[in-house]
Amino acid sequence: MYNGLRGGRPPAGPVMQGSARFFAVSSKHTSEASRVQCSIFLACFECLGNITATPLNRGWRLLASFDSYLSVTEKLSAATSVKHLDINQAYALLAYCGSMTTPDGADIQRKRCDCCSIFYPVITERYAEPQKCPICAIDANCKRLSDLRRSSTRDD
């Protein structure tokens, strides 16, 4: 059935998106760039929900949002090694967000960064560590690497 629907074999290994942490916390399985991908998809889903006051069919909204997300991130994915979310991951992300209709009880909520204004996913667990903005984290890492490069060329 998977082959018929997706045109390929299912990915091997454990299902990483079996935890809300997969989408919102950087780890060896989730990069900051992946968290940005989640942010972009959720923004597409939210924007599509705002086109009318009439509630949209969730399945249609998921598919239309996913197509929009792929369009927005197409050039980024082609130019870098950043992987797109697949439709199953997008669905799981929405499930953890309470389909963005019931955010109070959801495992993942969106938080706005005061610095760059992006809305990014955060875990709502009671004992979750502070989660920083993925864009700001990528920016800080680029700055750190640039400073290291500059200091190493001065030493030579």
Protein backbone atom coordinates (compact mmCIF):
# COMPACT_ATOMS: atom_id res chain seq x y z
CA MET A 1 0.00 0.00 0.00
CA TYR A 2 2.83 2.43 0.89
CA ASN A 3 4.44 1.78 -2.49
CA GLY A 4 1.18 2.54 -4.29
CA LEU A 5 0.56 5.76 -2.38
CA ARG A 6 4.08 7.11 -2.18
CA GLY A 7 5.74 5.54 -5.21
CA GLY A 8 8.54 3.96 -3.20
CA ARG A 9 9.45 1.74 -0.31
CA PRO A 10 8.94 2.94 3.28
CA PRO A 11 12.04 4.24 5.04
CA ALA A 12 13.92 1.69 7.13
CA GLY A 13 14.48 2.05 10.85
CA PRO A 14 12.53 3.44 13.75
CA VAL A 15 9.91 6.11 13.30
CA MET A 16 11.67 9.14 14.75
CA GLN A 17 8.57 11.33 14.66
CA GLY A 18 7.06 9.08 17.34
CA SER A 19 7.98 11.79 19.84
CA ALA A 20 7.12 15.47 19.91
CA ARG A 21 10.77 16.16 20.77
CA PHE A 22 11.72 15.12 17.21
CA PHE A 23 10.14 18.30 15.85
CA ALA A 24 11.08 20.84 18.49
CA VAL A 25 14.38 19.93 20.19
CA SER A 26 17.75 19.83 18.47
CA SER A 27 19.47 16.47 18.79
CA LYS A 28 21.51 14.03 16.74
CA HIS A 29 18.33 13.27 14.77
CA THR A 30 16.97 16.82 14.52
CA SER A 31 19.08 19.73 13.30
CA GLU A 32 18.28 23.40 13.66
CA ALA A 33 17.60 23.41 9.91
CA SER A 34 14.99 20.67 10.43
CA ARG A 35 13.32 22.80 13.08
CA VAL A 36 13.22 25.68 10.57
CA GLN A 37 11.50 23.30 8.12
CA CYS A 38 8.89 22.55 10.80
CA SER A 39 8.41 26.28 11.36
CA ILE A 40 7.87 26.89 7.66
CA PHE A 41 5.33 24.10 7.34
CA LEU A 42 3.39 25.31 10.38
CA ALA A 43 3.37 28.85 8.96
CA CYS A 44 1.96 27.50 5.67
CA PHE A 45 -0.71 25.59 7.58
CA GLU A 46 -1.64 28.66 9.61
CA CYS A 47 -1.77 30.97 6.58
CA LEU A 48 -3.99 28.57 4.68
CA GLY A 49 -6.34 28.40 7.67
CA ASN A 50 -6.65 32.19 7.62
CA ILE A 51 -7.92 32.45 4.03
CA THR A 52 -11.55 32.07 5.12
CA ALA A 53 -13.60 32.27 8.29
CA THR A 54 -15.20 28.95 7.36
CA PRO A 55 -13.32 25.98 8.85
CA LEU A 56 -11.53 24.02 6.12
CA ASN A 57 -11.43 20.25 5.82
CA ARG A 58 -8.30 19.19 7.77
CA GLY A 59 -7.18 16.65 5.17
CA TRP A 60 -7.44 19.16 2.35
CA ARG A 61 -5.75 21.82 4.45
CA LEU A 62 -2.90 19.42 5.30
CA LEU A 63 -2.34 18.53 1.65
CA ALA A 64 -2.60 22.12 0.39
CA SER A 65 -0.29 23.34 3.18
CA PHE A 66 2.20 20.59 2.42
CA ASP A 67 2.21 21.50 -1.28
CA SER A 68 2.74 25.17 -0.35
CA TYR A 69 5.56 24.20 2.01
CA LEU A 70 7.28 22.18 -0.74
CA SER A 71 6.99 25.13 -3.13
CA VAL A 72 8.44 27.56 -0.60
CA THR A 73 11.37 25.31 0.32
CA GLU A 74 12.12 23.84 -3.12
CA LYS A 75 15.18 26.02 -3.91
CA LEU A 76 16.59 25.68 -0.38
CA SER A 77 16.37 21.92 -0.51
CA ALA A 78 17.95 21.79 -3.97
CA ALA A 79 20.84 24.06 -2.94
CA THR A 80 21.61 22.46 0.43
CA SER A 81 21.51 19.12 2.15
CA VAL A 82 18.48 20.16 4.21
CA LYS A 83 15.80 17.49 3.97
CA HIS A 84 12.14 18.30 3.47
CA LEU A 85 9.54 17.04 5.87
CA ASP A 86 7.54 14.27 4.27
CA ILE A 87 3.75 14.19 4.40
CA ASN A 88 3.77 11.68 7.28
CA GLN A 89 6.06 13.89 9.34
CA ALA A 90 3.90 16.92 8.55
CA TYR A 91 0.83 15.03 9.73
CA ALA A 92 2.59 13.92 12.93
CA LEU A 93 3.78 17.49 13.58
CA LEU A 94 0.22 18.76 13.24
CA ALA A 95 -1.03 16.04 15.57
CA TYR A 96 1.50 17.13 18.20
CA CYS A 97 0.35 20.74 17.68
CA GLY A 98 -3.28 19.79 18.25
CA SER A 99 -3.91 20.58 14.56
CA MET A 100 -3.32 24.18 15.70
CA THR A 101 -6.93 24.33 16.88
CA THR A 102 -6.38 23.36 20.53
CA PRO A 103 -2.91 24.71 21.37
CA ASP A 104 -3.42 24.71 25.16
CA GLY A 105 -3.32 20.92 25.52
CA ALA A 106 -0.88 20.25 22.65
CA ASP A 107 2.58 18.71 23.12
CA ILE A 108 4.07 21.34 20.79
CA GLN A 109 3.27 25.01 20.66
CA ARG A 110 4.70 27.82 18.58
CA LYS A 111 6.79 30.53 20.16
CA ARG A 112 7.74 33.85 18.58
CA CYS A 113 11.42 34.82 18.67
CA ASP A 114 11.94 38.34 19.96
CA CYS A 115 15.04 38.76 17.80
CA CYS A 116 14.09 37.46 14.34
CA SER A 117 10.27 37.25 14.69
CA ILE A 118 9.97 33.66 13.42
CA PHE A 119 7.42 31.39 15.08
CA TYR A 120 9.13 28.10 15.91
CA PRO A 121 7.92 24.88 17.56
CA VAL A 122 8.66 24.29 21.25
CA ILE A 123 7.90 21.39 23.57
CA THR A 124 5.32 22.14 26.22
CA GLU A 125 6.50 19.41 28.63
CA ARG A 126 6.62 20.47 32.21
CA TYR A 127 10.34 19.82 32.59
CA ALA A 128 11.48 20.78 29.10
CA GLU A 129 14.74 22.68 28.89
CA PRO A 130 14.65 26.18 27.39
CA GLN A 131 14.41 25.92 23.61
CA LYS A 132 16.09 28.59 21.55
CA CYS A 133 15.09 29.87 18.15
CA PRO A 134 16.58 27.72 15.36
CA ILE A 135 17.29 30.72 13.11
CA CYS A 136 19.18 32.52 15.87
CA ALA A 137 21.04 29.28 16.73
CA ILE A 138 22.12 28.84 13.09
CA ASP A 139 23.16 32.50 12.96
CA ALA A 140 25.17 32.18 16.19
CA ASN A 141 26.90 29.05 14.87
CA CYS A 142 27.80 30.78 11.57
CA LYS A 143 29.20 33.73 13.52
CA ARG A 144 31.20 31.37 15.75
CA LEU A 145 32.63 29.53 12.74
CA SER A 146 33.47 32.81 11.03
CA ASP A 147 35.27 34.05 14.14
CA LEU A 148 37.20 30.77 14.36
CA ARG A 149 38.20 31.03 10.70
CA ARG A 150 39.34 34.62 11.16
CA SER A 151 41.37 33.78 14.26
CA SER A 152 43.01 30.76 12.59
CA THR A 153 44.07 32.83 9.53
CA ARG A 154 45.58 35.48 11.79
CA ASP A 155 47.62 32.86 13.61
CA ASP A 156 49.14 31.58 10.33
